[in-house]
Amino acid sequence: MTVQRAVTAFAGFMVLLSLALTWWVSPHFVWLTVFVGANLLQSAFTGICPAASIFRALGLKGAV
């Protein structure tokens, strides 16, 4: 698995998890969805993604 695919999978998982938590636990978990979306948006413009840095440190390969 490449870093790009791992970041995409992680972001999708976090969005779905936060929506489930919002529905079943507390409406305040919607802020987790907002945080994930804002992080995706800022990484699109700056090229800096904390999750990608973590996945690289764990040994995942970059995109070929």
C-alpha atoms as a PDB file:
ATOM      1  CA  MET A   1       0.000   0.000   0.000  1.00  0.00           C
ATOM      2  CA  THR A   2       1.282   3.448  -0.871  1.00  0.00           C
ATOM      3  CA  VAL A   3       1.150   6.526   1.333  1.00  0.00           C
ATOM      4  CA  GLN A   4      -1.437   8.137  -0.964  1.00  0.00           C
ATOM      5  CA  ARG A   5      -3.803   5.165  -0.714  1.00  0.00           C
ATOM      6  CA  ALA A   6      -3.302   4.938   3.048  1.00  0.00           C
ATOM      7  CA  VAL A   7      -4.120   8.631   3.512  1.00  0.00           C
ATOM      8  CA  THR A   8      -7.227   8.320   1.339  1.00  0.00           C
ATOM      9  CA  ALA A   9      -8.404   5.212   3.198  1.00  0.00           C
ATOM     10  CA  PHE A  10      -7.709   6.810   6.582  1.00  0.00           C
ATOM     11  CA  ALA A  11      -9.582  10.009   5.673  1.00  0.00           C
ATOM     12  CA  GLY A  12     -12.568   8.027   4.424  1.00  0.00           C
ATOM     13  CA  PHE A  13     -12.579   5.889   7.560  1.00  0.00           C
ATOM     14  CA  MET A  14     -12.397   8.955   9.811  1.00  0.00           C
ATOM     15  CA  VAL A  15     -15.289  10.668   8.007  1.00  0.00           C
ATOM     16  CA  LEU A  16     -17.487   7.568   8.269  1.00  0.00           C
ATOM     17  CA  LEU A  17     -16.501   7.020  11.907  1.00  0.00           C
ATOM     18  CA  SER A  18     -17.254  10.623  12.831  1.00  0.00           C
ATOM     19  CA  LEU A  19     -20.615  10.477  11.093  1.00  0.00           C
ATOM     20  CA  ALA A  20     -21.500   7.267  12.957  1.00  0.00           C
ATOM     21  CA  LEU A  21     -20.422   8.825  16.264  1.00  0.00           C
ATOM     22  CA  THR A  22     -22.453  11.932  15.450  1.00  0.00           C
ATOM     23  CA  TRP A  23     -25.543   9.823  14.766  1.00  0.00           C
ATOM     24  CA  TRP A  24     -25.293   7.384  17.680  1.00  0.00           C
ATOM     25  CA  VAL A  25     -23.298   9.154  20.415  1.00  0.00           C
ATOM     26  CA  SER A  26     -23.401  12.945  20.275  1.00  0.00           C
ATOM     27  CA  PRO A  27     -24.037  15.649  17.686  1.00  0.00           C
ATOM     28  CA  HIS A  28     -20.783  17.278  18.818  1.00  0.00           C
ATOM     29  CA  PHE A  29     -18.795  14.631  16.936  1.00  0.00           C
ATOM     30  CA  VAL A  30     -19.671  16.527  13.754  1.00  0.00           C
ATOM     31  CA  TRP A  31     -16.638  18.669  14.642  1.00  0.00           C
ATOM     32  CA  LEU A  32     -14.417  15.675  13.933  1.00  0.00           C
ATOM     33  CA  THR A  33     -15.858  15.589  10.414  1.00  0.00           C
ATOM     34  CA  VAL A  34     -15.168  19.305  10.072  1.00  0.00           C
ATOM     35  CA  PHE A  35     -11.569  18.800  11.264  1.00  0.00           C
ATOM     36  CA  VAL A  36     -10.931  15.984   8.769  1.00  0.00           C
ATOM     37  CA  GLY A  37     -12.388  18.040   5.901  1.00  0.00           C
ATOM     38  CA  ALA A  38     -10.372  21.118   6.862  1.00  0.00           C
ATOM     39  CA  ASN A  39      -7.200  19.033   7.064  1.00  0.00           C
ATOM     40  CA  LEU A  40      -7.838  17.592   3.591  1.00  0.00           C
ATOM     41  CA  LEU A  41      -8.447  21.067   2.204  1.00  0.00           C
ATOM     42  CA  GLN A  42      -5.316  22.606   3.721  1.00  0.00           C
ATOM     43  CA  SER A  43      -3.196  19.665   2.571  1.00  0.00           C
ATOM     44  CA  ALA A  44      -4.449  20.156  -0.993  1.00  0.00           C
ATOM     45  CA  PHE A  45      -3.125  23.725  -0.975  1.00  0.00           C
ATOM     46  CA  THR A  46       0.023  23.360   1.141  1.00  0.00           C
ATOM     47  CA  GLY A  47       1.101  19.813   0.345  1.00  0.00           C
ATOM     48  CA  ILE A  48       1.635  19.160   4.059  1.00  0.00           C
ATOM     49  CA  CYS A  49      -0.288  16.223   5.484  1.00  0.00           C
ATOM     50  CA  PRO A  50       0.396  15.001   9.032  1.00  0.00           C
ATOM     51  CA  ALA A  51      -1.133  11.583   8.281  1.00  0.00           C
ATOM     52  CA  ALA A  52       1.190  11.102   5.294  1.00  0.00           C
ATOM     53  CA  SER A  53       4.193  11.895   7.484  1.00  0.00           C
ATOM     54  CA  ILE A  54       3.072   9.289  10.006  1.00  0.00           C
ATOM     55  CA  PHE A  55       2.488   6.657   7.321  1.00  0.00           C
ATOM     56  CA  ARG A  56       5.947   7.343   5.837  1.00  0.00           C
ATOM     57  CA  ALA A  57       7.491   6.965   9.295  1.00  0.00           C
ATOM     58  CA  LEU A  58       5.716   3.609   9.603  1.00  0.00           C
ATOM     59  CA  GLY A  59       7.460   2.473   6.428  1.00  0.00           C
ATOM     60  CA  LEU A  60       4.868   2.829   3.682  1.00  0.00           C
ATOM     61  CA  LYS A  61       6.196   3.555   0.201  1.00  0.00           C
ATOM     62  CA  GLY A  62       5.577   6.765  -1.686  1.00  0.00           C
ATOM     63  CA  ALA A  63       3.564   6.806  -4.899  1.00  0.00           C
ATOM     64  CA  VAL A  64       5.410   5.315  -7.871  1.00  0.00           C
END
